[in-house]
Amino acid sequence: MKTNKLVLSLAIAGVVFLASCSNSSQKQTEQSADQTMNATQIENVEINLADSRVAWKGEMLGVYSHTGTVGLTNSEINFSEGKISGGNFTVDLTSMIPTDNNYNPEEGSTPEKLVGHLSSPDFFDVENYPTATFEILSVDGNTAYGNLTVRGKTHEEKVENIEIKEDGDQVQITGELVFDRKKYDVSWDSPIKDRILSSDIEINVALAGKKS
């Protein structure tokens, strides 16, 4: 009798284990699907530049960070089988608008001064390089790989965590890009000052458009 009970217990345990494995496998499949760019019925999107924005963030190590936005002068996103297959966007560096409050006017620290500094030859040299561009070369899952051009210098970068949201015929495409500013000669002339500024600049892209 004890043997029968033991066999029955093992059988029940086996069923529970198999069910658990099945649920775990299903969850992993769902998580894997979540990590892949969601497929849509979109064939083409006309980007609305006025409603699209690129947000940026730069950090003074251990001190504070500055954030802001810039507009776009051009953007085209291509779709194939409901997924992004290519495209580009061009950022208007002359349209920088700070959005943080880390300023002290009494000490000469103002949003206007920050914009002037970021526009100077030390940083983005906006007079000579008024735009920055990203061109998609390939897409894998929810990551787009491509060429970023800043100050006339081009390096391969990636836009990650791409999401596509639909609301009727309206479409929003978002993604995140982090690049090392020093690769593009965006730096202070003073090595001491440059060391306290994070090398990474964070970019959040939000493209708004309409199905066409």
N, C-alpha and C. Protein backbone atom coordinates (compact mmCIF):
# COMPACT_ATOMS: atom_id res chain seq x y z
N MET A 1 0.84 -1.21 0.00
CA MET A 1 0.00 0.00 0.00
C MET A 1 0.87 1.25 0.00
N LYS A 2 1.93 1.20 0.79
CA LYS A 2 2.85 2.33 0.85
C LYS A 2 3.50 2.54 -0.50
N THR A 3 3.82 1.39 -1.16
CA THR A 3 4.44 1.49 -2.48
C THR A 3 3.51 2.18 -3.47
N ASN A 4 2.22 1.80 -3.42
CA ASN A 4 1.24 2.42 -4.32
C ASN A 4 1.12 3.91 -4.07
N LYS A 5 1.10 4.29 -2.77
CA LYS A 5 1.01 5.71 -2.43
C LYS A 5 2.23 6.47 -2.94
N LEU A 6 3.41 5.81 -2.82
CA LEU A 6 4.64 6.46 -3.27
C LEU A 6 4.60 6.67 -4.78
N VAL A 7 4.15 5.64 -5.52
CA VAL A 7 4.06 5.74 -6.97
C VAL A 7 3.09 6.84 -7.37
N LEU A 8 1.93 6.88 -6.67
CA LEU A 8 0.93 7.90 -6.96
C LEU A 8 1.48 9.30 -6.70
N SER A 9 2.21 9.44 -5.59
CA SER A 9 2.79 10.74 -5.24
C SER A 9 3.80 11.19 -6.30
N LEU A 10 4.62 10.24 -6.75
CA LEU A 10 5.61 10.56 -7.78
C LEU A 10 4.94 10.95 -9.09
N ALA A 11 3.84 10.24 -9.40
CA ALA A 11 3.11 10.55 -10.63
C ALA A 11 2.53 11.96 -10.58
N ILE A 12 1.93 12.30 -9.43
CA ILE A 12 1.35 13.64 -9.27
C ILE A 12 2.44 14.70 -9.36
N ALA A 13 3.57 14.41 -8.70
CA ALA A 13 4.69 15.35 -8.74
C ALA A 13 5.18 15.56 -10.16
N GLY A 14 5.19 14.44 -10.93
CA GLY A 14 5.63 14.53 -12.32
C GLY A 14 4.71 15.40 -13.14
N VAL A 15 3.39 15.25 -12.94
CA VAL A 15 2.41 16.05 -13.67
C VAL A 15 2.58 17.53 -13.34
N VAL A 16 2.73 17.82 -12.03
CA VAL A 16 2.92 19.21 -11.59
C VAL A 16 4.17 19.81 -12.20
N PHE A 17 5.25 19.00 -12.22
CA PHE A 17 6.53 19.47 -12.78
C PHE A 17 6.39 19.79 -14.26
N LEU A 18 5.72 18.86 -15.01
CA LEU A 18 5.54 19.08 -16.44
C LEU A 18 4.68 20.30 -16.72
N ALA A 19 3.64 20.49 -15.90
CA ALA A 19 2.78 21.66 -16.06
C ALA A 19 3.56 22.93 -15.79
N SER A 20 4.42 22.87 -14.76
CA SER A 20 5.24 24.02 -14.41
C SER A 20 6.19 24.37 -15.55
N CYS A 21 6.81 23.31 -16.14
CA CYS A 21 7.72 23.53 -17.25
C CYS A 21 6.99 24.14 -18.45
N SER A 22 5.76 23.65 -18.68
CA SER A 22 4.96 24.16 -19.80
C SER A 22 4.65 25.63 -19.61
N ASN A 23 4.24 26.00 -18.37
CA ASN A 23 3.93 27.40 -18.07
C ASN A 23 5.16 28.27 -18.20
N SER A 24 6.31 27.73 -17.70
CA SER A 24 7.56 28.48 -17.77
C SER A 24 7.97 28.72 -19.21
N SER A 25 7.81 27.65 -20.04
CA SER A 25 8.16 27.77 -21.45
C SER A 25 7.28 28.79 -22.14
N GLN A 26 5.97 28.77 -21.78
CA GLN A 26 5.04 29.73 -22.37
C GLN A 26 5.40 31.15 -21.99
N LYS A 27 5.77 31.36 -20.69
CA LYS A 27 6.15 32.69 -20.23
C LYS A 27 7.40 33.17 -20.95
N GLN A 28 8.38 32.24 -21.14
CA GLN A 28 9.61 32.62 -21.82
C GLN A 28 9.32 33.03 -23.25
N THR A 29 8.39 32.27 -23.90
CA THR A 29 8.01 32.60 -25.27
C THR A 29 7.36 33.97 -25.34
N GLU A 30 6.47 34.26 -24.36
CA GLU A 30 5.81 35.56 -24.32
C GLU A 30 6.81 36.67 -24.08
N GLN A 31 7.78 36.42 -23.16
CA GLN A 31 8.79 37.43 -22.89
C GLN A 31 9.65 37.67 -24.11
N SER A 32 9.97 36.58 -24.83
CA SER A 32 10.77 36.71 -26.04
C SER A 32 10.03 37.54 -27.08
N ALA A 33 8.72 37.31 -27.17
CA ALA A 33 7.91 38.08 -28.12
C ALA A 33 7.89 39.55 -27.73
N ASP A 34 7.85 39.83 -26.41
CA ASP A 34 7.82 41.21 -25.94
C ASP A 34 9.10 41.93 -26.31
N GLN A 35 10.22 41.17 -26.39
CA GLN A 35 11.51 41.78 -26.66
C GLN A 35 11.73 42.00 -28.16
N THR A 36 10.79 41.53 -29.00
CA THR A 36 10.88 41.72 -30.43
C THR A 36 9.94 42.83 -30.85
N MET A 37 10.38 43.66 -31.78
CA MET A 37 9.55 44.76 -32.21
C MET A 37 8.19 44.25 -32.66
N ASN A 38 7.13 44.84 -32.14
CA ASN A 38 5.80 44.37 -32.44
C ASN A 38 5.45 44.56 -33.91
N ALA A 39 4.97 43.46 -34.53
CA ALA A 39 4.57 43.53 -35.93
C ALA A 39 3.24 44.27 -36.04
N THR A 40 3.06 45.02 -37.12
CA THR A 40 1.84 45.79 -37.31
C THR A 40 1.34 45.56 -38.74
N GLN A 41 0.23 46.21 -39.05
CA GLN A 41 -0.29 46.18 -40.42
C GLN A 41 0.16 47.41 -41.20
N ILE A 42 1.12 48.13 -40.64
CA ILE A 42 1.58 49.37 -41.27
C ILE A 42 2.37 49.07 -42.55
N GLU A 43 2.03 49.78 -43.60
CA GLU A 43 2.77 49.67 -44.85
C GLU A 43 3.65 50.90 -45.08
N ASN A 44 3.14 52.04 -44.66
CA ASN A 44 3.91 53.27 -44.84
C ASN A 44 3.44 54.31 -43.83
N VAL A 45 4.36 55.14 -43.35
CA VAL A 45 4.04 56.19 -42.39
C VAL A 45 4.63 57.51 -42.87
N GLU A 46 3.81 58.53 -42.87
CA GLU A 46 4.30 59.88 -43.17
C GLU A 46 4.57 60.58 -41.85
N ILE A 47 5.84 60.87 -41.58
CA ILE A 47 6.24 61.46 -40.30
C ILE A 47 5.83 62.93 -40.23
N ASN A 48 5.20 63.30 -39.13
CA ASN A 48 4.83 64.69 -38.87
C ASN A 48 5.96 65.33 -38.06
N LEU A 49 6.77 66.13 -38.70
CA LEU A 49 7.95 66.71 -38.05
C LEU A 49 7.57 67.65 -36.91
N ALA A 50 6.46 68.35 -37.06
CA ALA A 50 6.05 69.32 -36.03
C ALA A 50 5.70 68.62 -34.72
N ASP A 51 5.20 67.40 -34.80
CA ASP A 51 4.80 66.66 -33.59
C ASP A 51 5.87 65.68 -33.12
N SER A 52 6.99 65.62 -33.81
CA SER A 52 8.07 64.70 -33.44
C SER A 52 9.15 65.45 -32.67
N ARG A 53 9.78 64.76 -31.74
CA ARG A 53 10.80 65.38 -30.90
C ARG A 53 11.92 64.39 -30.58
N VAL A 54 13.08 64.96 -30.31
CA VAL A 54 14.21 64.19 -29.79
C VAL A 54 14.59 64.82 -28.46
N ALA A 55 14.53 64.03 -27.39
CA ALA A 55 14.93 64.52 -26.06
C ALA A 55 16.36 64.08 -25.78
N TRP A 56 17.13 64.95 -25.14
CA TRP A 56 18.52 64.63 -24.84
C TRP A 56 18.83 64.83 -23.36
N LYS A 57 19.89 64.15 -22.91
CA LYS A 57 20.32 64.27 -21.51
C LYS A 57 21.83 64.15 -21.44
N GLY A 58 22.45 65.11 -20.73
CA GLY A 58 23.89 65.07 -20.47
C GLY A 58 24.11 65.23 -18.98
N GLU A 59 25.07 64.51 -18.44
CA GLU A 59 25.25 64.49 -16.98
C GLU A 59 26.62 64.97 -16.55
N MET A 60 26.63 65.86 -15.57
CA MET A 60 27.87 66.25 -14.90
C MET A 60 28.06 65.24 -13.78
N LEU A 61 29.09 64.43 -13.87
CA LEU A 61 29.26 63.29 -12.97
C LEU A 61 29.20 63.68 -11.51
N GLY A 62 28.25 63.07 -10.79
CA GLY A 62 28.12 63.30 -9.36
C GLY A 62 27.59 64.67 -8.98
N VAL A 63 27.14 65.44 -9.96
CA VAL A 63 26.67 66.80 -9.67
C VAL A 63 25.20 66.96 -10.07
N TYR A 64 24.92 67.03 -11.34
CA TYR A 64 23.56 67.19 -11.84
C TYR A 64 23.55 66.84 -13.32
N SER A 65 22.38 66.90 -13.90
CA SER A 65 22.26 66.63 -15.33
C SER A 65 21.45 67.73 -16.00
N HIS A 66 21.67 67.90 -17.28
CA HIS A 66 20.88 68.84 -18.08
C HIS A 66 20.07 68.03 -19.09
N THR A 67 18.84 68.44 -19.30
CA THR A 67 17.98 67.78 -20.28
C THR A 67 17.38 68.82 -21.22
N GLY A 68 16.91 68.35 -22.35
CA GLY A 68 16.29 69.27 -23.29
C GLY A 68 15.73 68.55 -24.50
N THR A 69 15.27 69.31 -25.46
CA THR A 69 14.72 68.74 -26.69
C THR A 69 15.29 69.46 -27.90
N VAL A 70 15.22 68.79 -29.02
CA VAL A 70 15.52 69.40 -30.32
C VAL A 70 14.47 68.91 -31.31
N GLY A 71 14.23 69.72 -32.33
CA GLY A 71 13.28 69.33 -33.36
C GLY A 71 13.97 68.54 -34.47
N LEU A 72 13.19 68.17 -35.47
CA LEU A 72 13.72 67.45 -36.61
C LEU A 72 13.47 68.22 -37.90
N THR A 73 14.38 68.07 -38.86
CA THR A 73 14.19 68.71 -40.16
C THR A 73 13.75 67.70 -41.21
N ASN A 74 13.96 66.41 -40.92
CA ASN A 74 13.57 65.39 -41.88
C ASN A 74 13.52 64.03 -41.20
N SER A 75 12.61 63.18 -41.64
CA SER A 75 12.57 61.81 -41.15
C SER A 75 11.75 60.95 -42.10
N GLU A 76 12.26 59.77 -42.37
CA GLU A 76 11.56 58.81 -43.21
C GLU A 76 11.77 57.42 -42.62
N ILE A 77 10.69 56.72 -42.34
CA ILE A 77 10.78 55.37 -41.78
C ILE A 77 10.12 54.39 -42.74
N ASN A 78 10.86 53.36 -43.13
CA ASN A 78 10.36 52.36 -44.07
C ASN A 78 9.88 51.11 -43.34
N PHE A 79 8.82 50.51 -43.85
CA PHE A 79 8.27 49.30 -43.25
C PHE A 79 8.26 48.15 -44.26
N SER A 80 8.45 46.94 -43.73
CA SER A 80 8.34 45.73 -44.53
C SER A 80 7.69 44.66 -43.67
N GLU A 81 6.58 44.11 -44.14
CA GLU A 81 5.83 43.10 -43.39
C GLU A 81 5.47 43.59 -41.99
N GLY A 82 5.10 44.86 -41.91
CA GLY A 82 4.63 45.43 -40.65
C GLY A 82 5.72 45.80 -39.67
N LYS A 83 6.99 45.71 -40.07
CA LYS A 83 8.09 46.05 -39.17
C LYS A 83 9.01 47.07 -39.83
N ILE A 84 9.70 47.83 -39.00
CA ILE A 84 10.65 48.81 -39.53
C ILE A 84 11.78 48.09 -40.25
N SER A 85 12.08 48.53 -41.46
CA SER A 85 13.14 47.90 -42.24
C SER A 85 14.26 48.87 -42.61
N GLY A 86 14.00 50.16 -42.44
CA GLY A 86 15.01 51.16 -42.77
C GLY A 86 14.49 52.55 -42.49
N GLY A 87 15.29 53.54 -42.86
CA GLY A 87 14.85 54.91 -42.66
C GLY A 87 15.94 55.80 -42.10
N ASN A 88 15.56 56.99 -41.70
CA ASN A 88 16.53 57.96 -41.18
C ASN A 88 15.79 59.08 -40.46
N PHE A 89 16.55 59.86 -39.70
CA PHE A 89 16.01 61.10 -39.15
C PHE A 89 17.15 62.11 -39.01
N THR A 90 16.80 63.37 -39.18
CA THR A 90 17.78 64.45 -39.10
C THR A 90 17.36 65.42 -38.00
N VAL A 91 18.27 65.67 -37.08
CA VAL A 91 18.00 66.53 -35.92
C VAL A 91 18.48 67.95 -36.20
N ASP A 92 17.65 68.92 -35.84
CA ASP A 92 17.97 70.34 -36.00
C ASP A 92 18.63 70.85 -34.72
N LEU A 93 19.96 70.94 -34.72
CA LEU A 93 20.69 71.35 -33.52
C LEU A 93 20.53 72.84 -33.21
N THR A 94 19.97 73.59 -34.13
CA THR A 94 19.74 75.01 -33.86
C THR A 94 18.46 75.22 -33.03
N SER A 95 17.73 74.14 -32.78
CA SER A 95 16.45 74.26 -32.07
C SER A 95 16.51 73.74 -30.63
N MET A 96 17.72 73.70 -30.05
CA MET A 96 17.87 73.18 -28.68
C MET A 96 17.08 74.00 -27.66
N ILE A 97 16.28 73.29 -26.85
CA ILE A 97 15.52 73.93 -25.77
C ILE A 97 15.76 73.16 -24.47
N PRO A 98 16.42 73.75 -23.47
CA PRO A 98 16.62 73.07 -22.18
C PRO A 98 15.28 72.87 -21.47
N THR A 99 15.16 71.75 -20.75
CA THR A 99 13.91 71.46 -20.02
C THR A 99 14.14 71.23 -18.53
N ASP A 100 15.38 71.31 -18.07
CA ASP A 100 15.66 71.08 -16.64
C ASP A 100 15.70 72.41 -15.89
N ASN A 101 15.86 72.31 -14.57
CA ASN A 101 15.90 73.51 -13.71
C ASN A 101 17.23 73.67 -12.97
N ASN A 102 18.26 73.01 -13.46
CA ASN A 102 19.55 73.06 -12.77
C ASN A 102 20.37 74.28 -13.19
N TYR A 103 19.88 75.45 -12.81
CA TYR A 103 20.54 76.70 -13.17
C TYR A 103 20.57 77.64 -11.97
N ASN A 104 21.55 78.55 -11.99
CA ASN A 104 21.67 79.55 -10.94
C ASN A 104 22.01 80.90 -11.59
N PRO A 105 20.98 81.66 -11.94
CA PRO A 105 21.20 82.94 -12.64
C PRO A 105 22.13 83.88 -11.89
N GLU A 106 22.11 83.83 -10.55
CA GLU A 106 22.97 84.71 -9.76
C GLU A 106 24.44 84.41 -10.00
N GLU A 107 24.73 83.18 -10.38
CA GLU A 107 26.12 82.80 -10.66
C GLU A 107 26.39 82.74 -12.16
N GLY A 108 25.44 83.24 -12.93
CA GLY A 108 25.63 83.28 -14.38
C GLY A 108 25.25 82.01 -15.10
N SER A 109 24.59 81.09 -14.39
CA SER A 109 24.17 79.83 -15.01
C SER A 109 22.72 79.94 -15.45
N THR A 110 22.49 79.97 -16.77
CA THR A 110 21.14 80.12 -17.31
C THR A 110 20.94 79.14 -18.48
N PRO A 111 19.70 78.85 -18.82
CA PRO A 111 19.44 77.98 -19.98
C PRO A 111 20.03 78.55 -21.26
N GLU A 112 19.96 79.87 -21.41
CA GLU A 112 20.49 80.51 -22.61
C GLU A 112 22.01 80.31 -22.72
N LYS A 113 22.68 80.39 -21.57
CA LYS A 113 24.13 80.20 -21.57
C LYS A 113 24.48 78.76 -21.92
N LEU A 114 23.67 77.81 -21.43
CA LEU A 114 23.91 76.40 -21.76
C LEU A 114 23.78 76.17 -23.26
N VAL A 115 22.72 76.71 -23.86
CA VAL A 115 22.52 76.55 -25.29
C VAL A 115 23.69 77.15 -26.06
N GLY A 116 24.15 78.32 -25.62
CA GLY A 116 25.29 78.95 -26.26
C GLY A 116 26.53 78.09 -26.17
N HIS A 117 26.73 77.48 -25.01
CA HIS A 117 27.90 76.63 -24.81
C HIS A 117 27.82 75.37 -25.67
N LEU A 118 26.64 74.72 -25.69
CA LEU A 118 26.47 73.51 -26.48
C LEU A 118 26.58 73.78 -27.98
N SER A 119 26.27 75.01 -28.37
CA SER A 119 26.32 75.37 -29.79
C SER A 119 27.72 75.79 -30.23
N SER A 120 28.62 76.00 -29.28
CA SER A 120 29.96 76.52 -29.56
C SER A 120 30.85 75.47 -30.24
N PRO A 121 31.99 75.91 -30.79
CA PRO A 121 32.93 74.98 -31.43
C PRO A 121 33.45 73.90 -30.48
N ASP A 122 33.44 74.17 -29.16
CA ASP A 122 33.86 73.15 -28.20
C ASP A 122 32.96 71.92 -28.26
N PHE A 123 31.69 72.15 -28.51
CA PHE A 123 30.74 71.04 -28.46
C PHE A 123 30.19 70.72 -29.85
N PHE A 124 28.96 71.13 -30.15
CA PHE A 124 28.37 70.69 -31.41
C PHE A 124 28.70 71.58 -32.60
N ASP A 125 29.33 72.72 -32.35
CA ASP A 125 29.75 73.62 -33.44
C ASP A 125 28.59 73.82 -34.42
N VAL A 126 27.49 74.29 -33.89
CA VAL A 126 26.24 74.38 -34.65
C VAL A 126 26.34 75.28 -35.88
N GLU A 127 27.17 76.30 -35.81
CA GLU A 127 27.30 77.20 -36.97
C GLU A 127 27.78 76.44 -38.20
N ASN A 128 28.71 75.51 -37.99
CA ASN A 128 29.26 74.74 -39.11
C ASN A 128 28.55 73.40 -39.32
N TYR A 129 27.94 72.89 -38.26
CA TYR A 129 27.25 71.60 -38.35
C TYR A 129 25.87 71.72 -37.69
N PRO A 130 24.92 72.34 -38.38
CA PRO A 130 23.61 72.62 -37.78
C PRO A 130 22.71 71.40 -37.60
N THR A 131 23.08 70.27 -38.18
CA THR A 131 22.24 69.07 -38.06
C THR A 131 23.07 67.85 -37.67
N ALA A 132 22.38 66.85 -37.15
CA ALA A 132 22.96 65.53 -36.89
C ALA A 132 21.99 64.51 -37.48
N THR A 133 22.51 63.42 -38.03
CA THR A 133 21.64 62.45 -38.69
C THR A 133 21.89 61.02 -38.22
N PHE A 134 20.85 60.23 -38.31
CA PHE A 134 20.97 58.79 -38.06
C PHE A 134 20.31 58.06 -39.22
N GLU A 135 21.05 57.15 -39.85
CA GLU A 135 20.52 56.39 -40.97
C GLU A 135 20.53 54.90 -40.62
N ILE A 136 19.37 54.28 -40.69
CA ILE A 136 19.24 52.86 -40.34
C ILE A 136 19.85 51.99 -41.43
N LEU A 137 20.71 51.05 -41.01
CA LEU A 137 21.32 50.10 -41.93
C LEU A 137 20.69 48.72 -41.81
N SER A 138 20.31 48.34 -40.60
CA SER A 138 19.69 47.03 -40.38
C SER A 138 18.88 47.07 -39.09
N VAL A 139 17.96 46.12 -38.97
CA VAL A 139 17.12 46.03 -37.78
C VAL A 139 17.11 44.60 -37.29
N ASP A 140 17.32 44.41 -35.99
CA ASP A 140 17.30 43.09 -35.38
C ASP A 140 16.44 43.17 -34.12
N GLY A 141 15.27 42.52 -34.15
CA GLY A 141 14.36 42.60 -33.01
C GLY A 141 13.88 44.03 -32.85
N ASN A 142 14.06 44.58 -31.65
CA ASN A 142 13.63 45.96 -31.42
C ASN A 142 14.82 46.92 -31.37
N THR A 143 15.88 46.56 -32.10
CA THR A 143 17.08 47.40 -32.17
C THR A 143 17.41 47.72 -33.62
N ALA A 144 17.62 49.00 -33.90
CA ALA A 144 18.01 49.44 -35.24
C ALA A 144 19.48 49.85 -35.22
N TYR A 145 20.26 49.29 -36.12
CA TYR A 145 21.68 49.61 -36.23
C TYR A 145 21.87 50.55 -37.42
N GLY A 146 22.73 51.54 -37.24
CA GLY A 146 22.93 52.48 -38.33
C GLY A 146 24.08 53.42 -38.10
N ASN A 147 24.19 54.41 -38.96
CA ASN A 147 25.27 55.40 -38.89
C ASN A 147 24.77 56.71 -38.30
N LEU A 148 25.45 57.16 -37.25
CA LEU A 148 25.16 58.46 -36.65
C LEU A 148 26.24 59.43 -37.11
N THR A 149 25.81 60.58 -37.61
CA THR A 149 26.75 61.60 -38.05
C THR A 149 26.57 62.86 -37.22
N VAL A 150 27.64 63.25 -36.52
CA VAL A 150 27.65 64.45 -35.68
C VAL A 150 28.95 65.20 -35.97
N ARG A 151 28.86 66.49 -36.21
CA ARG A 151 30.05 67.31 -36.52
C ARG A 151 30.83 66.74 -37.70
N GLY A 152 30.12 66.16 -38.65
CA GLY A 152 30.76 65.63 -39.85
C GLY A 152 31.45 64.30 -39.65
N LYS A 153 31.38 63.75 -38.44
CA LYS A 153 32.01 62.46 -38.15
C LYS A 153 30.92 61.39 -38.05
N THR A 154 31.17 60.23 -38.65
CA THR A 154 30.17 59.16 -38.70
C THR A 154 30.68 57.90 -38.02
N HIS A 155 29.85 57.36 -37.14
CA HIS A 155 30.17 56.09 -36.47
C HIS A 155 28.90 55.26 -36.38
N GLU A 156 29.09 53.94 -36.29
CA GLU A 156 27.93 53.06 -36.17
C GLU A 156 27.40 53.10 -34.74
N GLU A 157 26.11 53.32 -34.60
CA GLU A 157 25.44 53.34 -33.30
C GLU A 157 24.16 52.51 -33.40
N LYS A 158 23.41 52.44 -32.32
CA LYS A 158 22.16 51.67 -32.36
C LYS A 158 21.06 52.37 -31.57
N VAL A 159 19.85 52.27 -32.09
CA VAL A 159 18.65 52.75 -31.41
C VAL A 159 17.96 51.53 -30.82
N GLU A 160 17.84 51.50 -29.49
CA GLU A 160 17.30 50.32 -28.82
C GLU A 160 15.89 50.56 -28.28
N ASN A 161 15.28 49.46 -27.84
CA ASN A 161 13.94 49.51 -27.21
C ASN A 161 12.92 50.23 -28.09
N ILE A 162 12.95 49.93 -29.37
CA ILE A 162 12.00 50.56 -30.30
C ILE A 162 10.59 50.04 -30.04
N GLU A 163 9.65 50.96 -29.96
CA GLU A 163 8.25 50.60 -29.79
C GLU A 163 7.41 51.32 -30.84
N ILE A 164 6.41 50.62 -31.34
CA ILE A 164 5.49 51.21 -32.31
C ILE A 164 4.09 51.17 -31.71
N LYS A 165 3.47 52.33 -31.58
CA LYS A 165 2.12 52.40 -31.02
C LYS A 165 1.17 52.97 -32.06
N GLU A 166 0.00 52.35 -32.18
CA GLU A 166 -1.00 52.78 -33.15
C GLU A 166 -2.26 53.24 -32.44
N ASP A 167 -2.86 54.30 -32.98
CA ASP A 167 -4.14 54.80 -32.50
C ASP A 167 -4.93 55.23 -33.73
N GLY A 168 -5.70 54.29 -34.27
CA GLY A 168 -6.36 54.55 -35.54
C GLY A 168 -5.33 54.64 -36.64
N ASP A 169 -5.32 55.77 -37.36
CA ASP A 169 -4.32 55.95 -38.40
C ASP A 169 -3.09 56.71 -37.91
N GLN A 170 -3.07 57.03 -36.60
CA GLN A 170 -1.92 57.72 -36.00
C GLN A 170 -0.89 56.71 -35.50
N VAL A 171 0.37 57.03 -35.68
CA VAL A 171 1.46 56.12 -35.29
C VAL A 171 2.52 56.89 -34.51
N GLN A 172 3.02 56.28 -33.44
CA GLN A 172 4.15 56.85 -32.70
C GLN A 172 5.25 55.81 -32.62
N ILE A 173 6.45 56.21 -32.98
CA ILE A 173 7.62 55.33 -32.95
C ILE A 173 8.62 55.92 -31.98
N THR A 174 9.01 55.15 -30.98
CA THR A 174 9.97 55.64 -29.98
C THR A 174 11.17 54.71 -29.88
N GLY A 175 12.31 55.26 -29.45
CA GLY A 175 13.51 54.46 -29.28
C GLY A 175 14.57 55.24 -28.51
N GLU A 176 15.59 54.54 -28.05
CA GLU A 176 16.63 55.15 -27.22
C GLU A 176 18.01 54.94 -27.85
N LEU A 177 18.81 55.99 -27.83
CA LEU A 177 20.16 55.94 -28.38
C LEU A 177 21.11 56.59 -27.38
N VAL A 178 22.21 55.92 -27.09
CA VAL A 178 23.26 56.47 -26.21
C VAL A 178 24.57 56.44 -26.99
N PHE A 179 25.23 57.60 -27.09
CA PHE A 179 26.50 57.62 -27.82
C PHE A 179 27.58 58.34 -27.02
N ASP A 180 28.81 57.98 -27.33
CA ASP A 180 29.99 58.57 -26.69
C ASP A 180 30.34 59.86 -27.43
N ARG A 181 30.13 60.99 -26.78
CA ARG A 181 30.33 62.29 -27.43
C ARG A 181 31.77 62.49 -27.90
N LYS A 182 32.74 61.87 -27.20
CA LYS A 182 34.15 62.09 -27.53
C LYS A 182 34.52 61.52 -28.90
N LYS A 183 33.76 60.52 -29.35
CA LYS A 183 34.01 59.96 -30.68
C LYS A 183 33.72 60.98 -31.78
N TYR A 184 32.93 61.99 -31.41
CA TYR A 184 32.52 63.01 -32.38
C TYR A 184 33.15 64.37 -32.08
N ASP A 185 34.20 64.36 -31.25
CA ASP A 185 34.91 65.60 -30.86
C ASP A 185 34.00 66.60 -30.17
N VAL A 186 33.03 66.10 -29.43
CA VAL A 186 32.17 66.96 -28.62
C VAL A 186 32.76 66.99 -27.22
N SER A 187 33.56 68.02 -26.92
CA SER A 187 34.26 68.04 -25.64
C SER A 187 34.78 69.43 -25.32
N TRP A 188 35.06 69.64 -24.03
CA TRP A 188 35.68 70.88 -23.59
C TRP A 188 37.14 70.92 -24.01
N ASP A 189 37.65 72.13 -24.23
CA ASP A 189 39.08 72.26 -24.48
C ASP A 189 39.87 71.93 -23.22
N SER A 190 39.26 72.20 -22.06
CA SER A 190 39.92 71.95 -20.78
C SER A 190 39.77 70.48 -20.37
N PRO A 191 40.87 69.71 -20.28
CA PRO A 191 40.78 68.30 -19.88
C PRO A 191 40.17 68.12 -18.49
N ILE A 192 40.44 69.07 -17.58
CA ILE A 192 39.91 68.96 -16.22
C ILE A 192 38.39 69.07 -16.23
N LYS A 193 37.85 70.06 -16.94
CA LYS A 193 36.40 70.21 -17.04
C LYS A 193 35.78 69.03 -17.76
N ASP A 194 36.46 68.55 -18.79
CA ASP A 194 35.89 67.48 -19.61
C ASP A 194 35.73 66.19 -18.83
N ARG A 195 36.61 65.98 -17.84
CA ARG A 195 36.56 64.74 -17.06
C ARG A 195 35.33 64.66 -16.17
N ILE A 196 34.73 65.79 -15.80
CA ILE A 196 33.56 65.74 -14.92
C ILE A 196 32.24 65.66 -15.70
N LEU A 197 32.35 65.70 -17.03
CA LEU A 197 31.17 65.57 -17.87
C LEU A 197 31.10 64.15 -18.41
N SER A 198 29.99 63.47 -18.20
CA SER A 198 29.85 62.09 -18.68
C SER A 198 30.08 62.03 -20.19
N SER A 199 30.76 60.98 -20.61
CA SER A 199 31.01 60.82 -22.04
C SER A 199 29.74 60.46 -22.80
N ASP A 200 28.78 59.87 -22.09
CA ASP A 200 27.56 59.41 -22.74
C ASP A 200 26.50 60.51 -22.84
N ILE A 201 25.94 60.64 -24.01
CA ILE A 201 24.78 61.51 -24.22
C ILE A 201 23.60 60.61 -24.54
N GLU A 202 22.52 60.77 -23.79
CA GLU A 202 21.34 59.93 -23.97
C GLU A 202 20.32 60.64 -24.86
N ILE A 203 19.81 59.91 -25.82
CA ILE A 203 18.84 60.45 -26.76
C ILE A 203 17.58 59.58 -26.75
N ASN A 204 16.43 60.22 -26.64
CA ASN A 204 15.15 59.52 -26.75
C ASN A 204 14.39 60.09 -27.95
N VAL A 205 14.16 59.24 -28.91
CA VAL A 205 13.51 59.66 -30.15
C VAL A 205 12.02 59.35 -30.09
N ALA A 206 11.19 60.31 -30.46
CA ALA A 206 9.74 60.11 -30.51
C ALA A 206 9.23 60.67 -31.84
N LEU A 207 8.95 59.78 -32.77
CA LEU A 207 8.47 60.17 -34.09
C LEU A 207 6.96 59.97 -34.16
N ALA A 208 6.26 61.01 -34.57
CA ALA A 208 4.80 60.94 -34.72
C ALA A 208 4.46 60.98 -36.20
N GLY A 209 3.53 60.14 -36.60
CA GLY A 209 3.18 60.11 -38.00
C GLY A 209 1.78 59.58 -38.26
N LYS A 210 1.48 59.46 -39.55
CA LYS A 210 0.15 59.00 -39.97
C LYS A 210 0.32 57.94 -41.05
N LYS A 211 -0.48 56.88 -40.94
CA LYS A 211 -0.43 55.83 -41.96
C LYS A 211 -0.84 56.41 -43.31
N SER A 212 -0.13 55.97 -44.33
CA SER A 212 -0.45 56.48 -45.67
C SER A 212 -0.35 55.35 -46.70
